Amino acid sequence: MLFKSNGFKCDVDVYRSSDGVALRFYDQSKEQSEEEICVCVFVQPPFGYLSLKFDGEAGEGLISGYLNADVFDKPRAEDALELLENLVDPDVSFPSHITLLNEVDYIEYNGEY
């Protein structure tokens, strides 16, 4: 699936289960191929995740997640939230808390040290 918002576009994977939906926002062109996985040292992180956990019987649920603030401003985050909401029953309202994060550091392990 492709996500488009305010001149930005990225790939989205949709994961569904009986109790929710999760979205992963990323750049497919920077994903490692199967051949690269065994020699890969630097892994490009996704732009973020959104997760919807719902109780189908009660008709209630919660949306949470994080999005990279270097990519998502508030309008883009709202568009991502709308994308997730459009994947479920439109008559149900889901409170949400989406965190916009800035990367400050990372931890790397390559199996050799």
N, C-alpha and C. Protein backbone atom coordinates (compact mmCIF):
# COMPACT_ATOMS: atom_id res chain seq x y z
N MET A 1 0.86 -1.16 0.00
CA MET A 1 0.00 0.00 0.00
C MET A 1 0.90 1.23 0.00
N LEU A 2 0.42 2.31 -0.59
CA LEU A 2 1.18 3.55 -0.65
C LEU A 2 0.46 4.62 0.17
N PHE A 3 1.22 5.33 1.00
CA PHE A 3 0.68 6.43 1.79
C PHE A 3 1.15 7.73 1.15
N LYS A 4 0.20 8.66 0.92
CA LYS A 4 0.52 9.96 0.34
C LYS A 4 -0.08 11.05 1.22
N SER A 5 0.75 12.08 1.49
CA SER A 5 0.27 13.18 2.32
C SER A 5 1.14 14.41 2.10
N ASN A 6 0.55 15.49 1.68
CA ASN A 6 1.23 16.78 1.55
C ASN A 6 2.57 16.67 0.81
N GLY A 7 2.56 16.04 -0.35
CA GLY A 7 3.76 15.92 -1.16
C GLY A 7 4.72 14.81 -0.75
N PHE A 8 4.41 14.09 0.31
CA PHE A 8 5.24 13.00 0.78
C PHE A 8 4.55 11.68 0.47
N LYS A 9 5.34 10.67 0.13
CA LYS A 9 4.77 9.34 -0.04
C LYS A 9 5.76 8.30 0.47
N CYS A 10 5.19 7.22 1.01
CA CYS A 10 6.01 6.11 1.49
C CYS A 10 5.18 4.84 1.42
N ASP A 11 5.85 3.73 1.59
CA ASP A 11 5.19 2.43 1.58
C ASP A 11 4.59 2.15 2.95
N VAL A 12 3.52 1.35 2.96
CA VAL A 12 2.86 0.97 4.20
C VAL A 12 2.55 -0.52 4.15
N ASP A 13 2.94 -1.24 5.19
CA ASP A 13 2.52 -2.62 5.37
C ASP A 13 1.36 -2.62 6.35
N VAL A 14 0.35 -3.41 6.07
CA VAL A 14 -0.81 -3.53 6.95
C VAL A 14 -0.82 -4.93 7.55
N TYR A 15 -0.83 -4.99 8.87
CA TYR A 15 -0.89 -6.26 9.59
C TYR A 15 -2.21 -6.32 10.34
N ARG A 16 -2.98 -7.36 10.10
CA ARG A 16 -4.30 -7.51 10.74
C ARG A 16 -4.32 -8.75 11.61
N SER A 17 -5.03 -8.64 12.70
CA SER A 17 -5.30 -9.80 13.55
C SER A 17 -6.74 -9.67 14.02
N SER A 18 -7.18 -10.63 14.79
CA SER A 18 -8.57 -10.61 15.26
C SER A 18 -8.83 -9.47 16.24
N ASP A 19 -7.79 -8.94 16.86
CA ASP A 19 -8.00 -7.87 17.85
C ASP A 19 -7.33 -6.55 17.48
N GLY A 20 -6.95 -6.38 16.20
CA GLY A 20 -6.37 -5.10 15.86
C GLY A 20 -5.76 -5.04 14.48
N VAL A 21 -5.20 -3.87 14.20
CA VAL A 21 -4.53 -3.58 12.94
C VAL A 21 -3.28 -2.78 13.27
N ALA A 22 -2.19 -3.06 12.56
CA ALA A 22 -0.97 -2.28 12.72
C ALA A 22 -0.49 -1.84 11.35
N LEU A 23 0.04 -0.62 11.28
CA LEU A 23 0.61 -0.09 10.05
C LEU A 23 2.09 0.18 10.26
N ARG A 24 2.89 -0.17 9.28
CA ARG A 24 4.33 0.11 9.29
C ARG A 24 4.63 1.00 8.11
N PHE A 25 5.16 2.19 8.37
CA PHE A 25 5.49 3.17 7.34
C PHE A 25 6.99 3.09 7.06
N TYR A 26 7.37 2.94 5.79
CA TYR A 26 8.79 2.75 5.46
C TYR A 26 9.05 3.09 3.99
N ASP A 27 10.32 3.04 3.61
CA ASP A 27 10.76 3.27 2.23
C ASP A 27 11.20 1.93 1.65
N GLN A 28 10.39 1.36 0.78
CA GLN A 28 10.69 0.04 0.21
C GLN A 28 12.04 0.02 -0.50
N SER A 29 12.44 1.12 -1.11
CA SER A 29 13.70 1.15 -1.85
C SER A 29 14.92 1.00 -0.94
N LYS A 30 14.75 1.20 0.37
CA LYS A 30 15.86 1.08 1.31
C LYS A 30 15.79 -0.21 2.13
N GLU A 31 14.83 -1.08 1.82
CA GLU A 31 14.72 -2.37 2.49
C GLU A 31 15.82 -3.30 1.99
N GLN A 32 16.32 -4.14 2.86
CA GLN A 32 17.36 -5.07 2.48
C GLN A 32 16.76 -6.27 1.74
N SER A 33 17.47 -6.73 0.71
CA SER A 33 17.05 -7.93 0.01
C SER A 33 17.51 -9.15 0.83
N GLU A 34 17.04 -10.32 0.44
CA GLU A 34 17.45 -11.53 1.16
C GLU A 34 18.96 -11.73 1.09
N GLU A 35 19.56 -11.38 -0.04
CA GLU A 35 21.00 -11.54 -0.19
C GLU A 35 21.77 -10.59 0.73
N GLU A 36 21.24 -9.39 0.95
CA GLU A 36 21.91 -8.39 1.77
C GLU A 36 21.79 -8.66 3.27
N ILE A 37 20.79 -9.40 3.68
CA ILE A 37 20.54 -9.59 5.11
C ILE A 37 21.73 -10.23 5.81
N CYS A 38 22.39 -11.18 5.18
CA CYS A 38 23.50 -11.87 5.84
C CYS A 38 24.76 -11.01 5.96
N VAL A 39 24.87 -9.93 5.19
CA VAL A 39 26.06 -9.08 5.27
C VAL A 39 25.72 -7.65 5.68
N CYS A 40 24.49 -7.41 6.05
CA CYS A 40 24.03 -6.06 6.38
C CYS A 40 24.54 -5.62 7.75
N VAL A 41 25.05 -4.40 7.82
CA VAL A 41 25.47 -3.84 9.09
C VAL A 41 24.51 -2.74 9.51
N PHE A 42 24.14 -1.86 8.61
CA PHE A 42 23.24 -0.76 8.94
C PHE A 42 21.86 -1.06 8.40
N VAL A 43 20.88 -1.05 9.26
CA VAL A 43 19.49 -1.31 8.87
C VAL A 43 18.72 -0.01 8.95
N GLN A 44 18.10 0.37 7.85
CA GLN A 44 17.29 1.58 7.81
C GLN A 44 16.01 1.36 8.61
N PRO A 45 15.79 2.11 9.68
CA PRO A 45 14.55 1.90 10.45
C PRO A 45 13.34 2.43 9.67
N PRO A 46 12.17 1.93 10.00
CA PRO A 46 10.96 2.45 9.35
C PRO A 46 10.68 3.87 9.83
N PHE A 47 9.75 4.52 9.16
CA PHE A 47 9.35 5.88 9.54
C PHE A 47 8.43 5.86 10.75
N GLY A 48 7.91 4.69 11.11
CA GLY A 48 7.07 4.59 12.29
C GLY A 48 6.02 3.52 12.17
N TYR A 49 5.27 3.38 13.25
CA TYR A 49 4.21 2.38 13.36
C TYR A 49 2.98 3.01 13.99
N LEU A 50 1.82 2.54 13.58
CA LEU A 50 0.57 2.85 14.27
C LEU A 50 -0.11 1.53 14.58
N SER A 51 -0.70 1.44 15.75
CA SER A 51 -1.35 0.21 16.17
C SER A 51 -2.75 0.50 16.70
N LEU A 52 -3.70 -0.25 16.19
CA LEU A 52 -5.08 -0.17 16.67
C LEU A 52 -5.41 -1.46 17.40
N LYS A 53 -5.72 -1.33 18.65
CA LYS A 53 -6.13 -2.48 19.47
C LYS A 53 -7.60 -2.26 19.79
N PHE A 54 -8.46 -3.20 19.41
CA PHE A 54 -9.88 -2.97 19.66
C PHE A 54 -10.55 -4.16 20.31
N ASP A 55 -11.67 -3.85 20.95
CA ASP A 55 -12.55 -4.84 21.55
C ASP A 55 -13.81 -4.84 20.70
N GLY A 56 -13.88 -5.80 19.79
CA GLY A 56 -14.98 -5.84 18.84
C GLY A 56 -16.35 -5.91 19.48
N GLU A 57 -16.47 -6.61 20.61
CA GLU A 57 -17.76 -6.76 21.26
C GLU A 57 -18.23 -5.44 21.87
N ALA A 58 -17.31 -4.69 22.43
CA ALA A 58 -17.67 -3.42 23.06
C ALA A 58 -17.71 -2.29 22.05
N GLY A 59 -17.12 -2.51 20.86
CA GLY A 59 -17.08 -1.44 19.87
C GLY A 59 -16.16 -0.31 20.26
N GLU A 60 -15.16 -0.61 21.06
CA GLU A 60 -14.21 0.41 21.51
C GLU A 60 -12.80 -0.02 21.14
N GLY A 61 -11.91 0.93 21.14
CA GLY A 61 -10.52 0.60 20.86
C GLY A 61 -9.61 1.78 21.13
N LEU A 62 -8.32 1.54 20.97
CA LEU A 62 -7.31 2.58 21.18
C LEU A 62 -6.30 2.54 20.04
N ILE A 63 -5.85 3.70 19.61
CA ILE A 63 -4.80 3.80 18.61
C ILE A 63 -3.58 4.43 19.28
N SER A 64 -2.43 3.79 19.08
CA SER A 64 -1.19 4.35 19.60
C SER A 64 -0.11 4.13 18.57
N GLY A 65 1.04 4.70 18.82
CA GLY A 65 2.16 4.48 17.91
C GLY A 65 3.15 5.62 17.96
N TYR A 66 4.14 5.48 17.12
CA TYR A 66 5.13 6.55 17.00
C TYR A 66 5.44 6.76 15.53
N LEU A 67 5.77 8.00 15.21
CA LEU A 67 6.15 8.37 13.85
C LEU A 67 7.39 9.25 13.93
N ASN A 68 8.28 9.10 12.97
CA ASN A 68 9.51 9.87 12.93
C ASN A 68 9.19 11.34 12.63
N ALA A 69 9.57 12.23 13.52
CA ALA A 69 9.26 13.65 13.38
C ALA A 69 10.03 14.30 12.23
N ASP A 70 11.09 13.66 11.74
CA ASP A 70 11.81 14.18 10.57
C ASP A 70 11.00 13.97 9.30
N VAL A 71 10.04 13.07 9.34
CA VAL A 71 9.22 12.72 8.18
C VAL A 71 7.77 13.19 8.36
N PHE A 72 7.23 13.00 9.56
CA PHE A 72 5.83 13.29 9.82
C PHE A 72 5.68 14.55 10.65
N ASP A 73 5.01 15.55 10.08
CA ASP A 73 4.57 16.70 10.87
C ASP A 73 3.14 16.38 11.33
N LYS A 74 2.52 17.30 12.02
CA LYS A 74 1.19 17.02 12.56
C LYS A 74 0.16 16.72 11.46
N PRO A 75 0.10 17.48 10.35
CA PRO A 75 -0.88 17.13 9.30
C PRO A 75 -0.65 15.74 8.70
N ARG A 76 0.61 15.37 8.48
CA ARG A 76 0.89 14.03 7.94
C ARG A 76 0.52 12.95 8.95
N ALA A 77 0.78 13.21 10.22
CA ALA A 77 0.41 12.24 11.26
C ALA A 77 -1.11 12.07 11.30
N GLU A 78 -1.84 13.15 11.14
CA GLU A 78 -3.30 13.07 11.11
C GLU A 78 -3.78 12.29 9.89
N ASP A 79 -3.10 12.46 8.75
CA ASP A 79 -3.45 11.69 7.56
C ASP A 79 -3.16 10.20 7.77
N ALA A 80 -2.06 9.88 8.44
CA ALA A 80 -1.74 8.48 8.75
C ALA A 80 -2.79 7.88 9.67
N LEU A 81 -3.22 8.66 10.64
CA LEU A 81 -4.27 8.21 11.55
C LEU A 81 -5.58 7.96 10.79
N GLU A 82 -5.89 8.84 9.87
CA GLU A 82 -7.10 8.67 9.05
C GLU A 82 -7.00 7.41 8.19
N LEU A 83 -5.82 7.12 7.66
CA LEU A 83 -5.62 5.90 6.89
C LEU A 83 -5.96 4.68 7.73
N LEU A 84 -5.47 4.65 8.95
CA LEU A 84 -5.75 3.53 9.85
C LEU A 84 -7.24 3.44 10.18
N GLU A 85 -7.84 4.55 10.48
CA GLU A 85 -9.27 4.56 10.82
C GLU A 85 -10.13 4.09 9.65
N ASN A 86 -9.69 4.36 8.42
CA ASN A 86 -10.45 3.94 7.24
C ASN A 86 -10.39 2.44 7.00
N LEU A 87 -9.51 1.73 7.69
CA LEU A 87 -9.39 0.29 7.54
C LEU A 87 -10.35 -0.49 8.44
N VAL A 88 -11.07 0.23 9.31
CA VAL A 88 -11.98 -0.42 10.25
C VAL A 88 -13.37 0.19 10.15
N ASP A 89 -14.28 -0.29 10.96
CA ASP A 89 -15.67 0.16 10.98
C ASP A 89 -15.75 1.68 11.16
N PRO A 90 -16.35 2.38 10.21
CA PRO A 90 -16.40 3.85 10.30
C PRO A 90 -17.31 4.38 11.40
N ASP A 91 -18.15 3.53 11.98
CA ASP A 91 -19.07 3.99 13.01
C ASP A 91 -18.45 3.99 14.41
N VAL A 92 -17.23 3.50 14.52
CA VAL A 92 -16.58 3.39 15.82
C VAL A 92 -15.53 4.48 15.95
N SER A 93 -15.49 5.12 17.10
CA SER A 93 -14.51 6.16 17.37
C SER A 93 -13.38 5.57 18.22
N PHE A 94 -12.15 5.86 17.86
CA PHE A 94 -10.99 5.35 18.59
C PHE A 94 -10.16 6.50 19.11
N PRO A 95 -10.03 6.64 20.43
CA PRO A 95 -9.11 7.65 20.95
C PRO A 95 -7.70 7.28 20.52
N SER A 96 -6.85 8.28 20.38
CA SER A 96 -5.50 7.99 19.92
C SER A 96 -4.46 8.82 20.65
N HIS A 97 -3.25 8.28 20.69
CA HIS A 97 -2.08 8.99 21.21
C HIS A 97 -0.91 8.59 20.32
N ILE A 98 -0.50 9.52 19.47
CA ILE A 98 0.59 9.27 18.53
C ILE A 98 1.78 10.12 18.95
N THR A 99 2.92 9.50 19.13
CA THR A 99 4.13 10.20 19.54
C THR A 99 4.98 10.48 18.31
N LEU A 100 5.41 11.74 18.16
CA LEU A 100 6.36 12.11 17.10
C LEU A 100 7.74 12.10 17.73
N LEU A 101 8.63 11.27 17.20
CA LEU A 101 9.96 11.08 17.79
C LEU A 101 11.07 11.58 16.89
N ASN A 102 12.13 12.05 17.51
CA ASN A 102 13.36 12.39 16.80
C ASN A 102 14.42 11.37 17.20
N GLU A 103 15.14 10.84 16.21
CA GLU A 103 16.21 9.90 16.49
C GLU A 103 17.40 10.66 17.07
N VAL A 104 17.88 10.20 18.20
CA VAL A 104 19.04 10.85 18.82
C VAL A 104 20.26 9.94 18.83
N ASP A 105 20.04 8.65 18.71
CA ASP A 105 21.14 7.70 18.72
C ASP A 105 20.61 6.34 18.31
N TYR A 106 21.48 5.39 18.12
CA TYR A 106 21.07 4.03 17.82
C TYR A 106 22.09 3.07 18.40
N ILE A 107 21.68 1.83 18.52
CA ILE A 107 22.55 0.77 19.01
C ILE A 107 22.74 -0.20 17.86
N GLU A 108 23.97 -0.55 17.60
CA GLU A 108 24.28 -1.43 16.49
C GLU A 108 25.04 -2.65 16.99
N TYR A 109 24.72 -3.80 16.44
CA TYR A 109 25.44 -5.02 16.74
C TYR A 109 25.56 -5.79 15.43
N ASN A 110 26.76 -6.15 15.04
CA ASN A 110 26.93 -6.85 13.76
C ASN A 110 27.33 -8.31 13.93
N GLY A 111 27.29 -8.82 15.15
CA GLY A 111 27.61 -10.21 15.39
C GLY A 111 29.08 -10.49 15.58
N GLU A 112 29.93 -9.47 15.40
CA GLU A 112 31.37 -9.66 15.52
C GLU A 112 31.96 -9.01 16.75
N TYR A 113 31.25 -8.10 17.35
CA TYR A 113 31.78 -7.45 18.56
C TYR A 113 30.70 -7.28 19.58
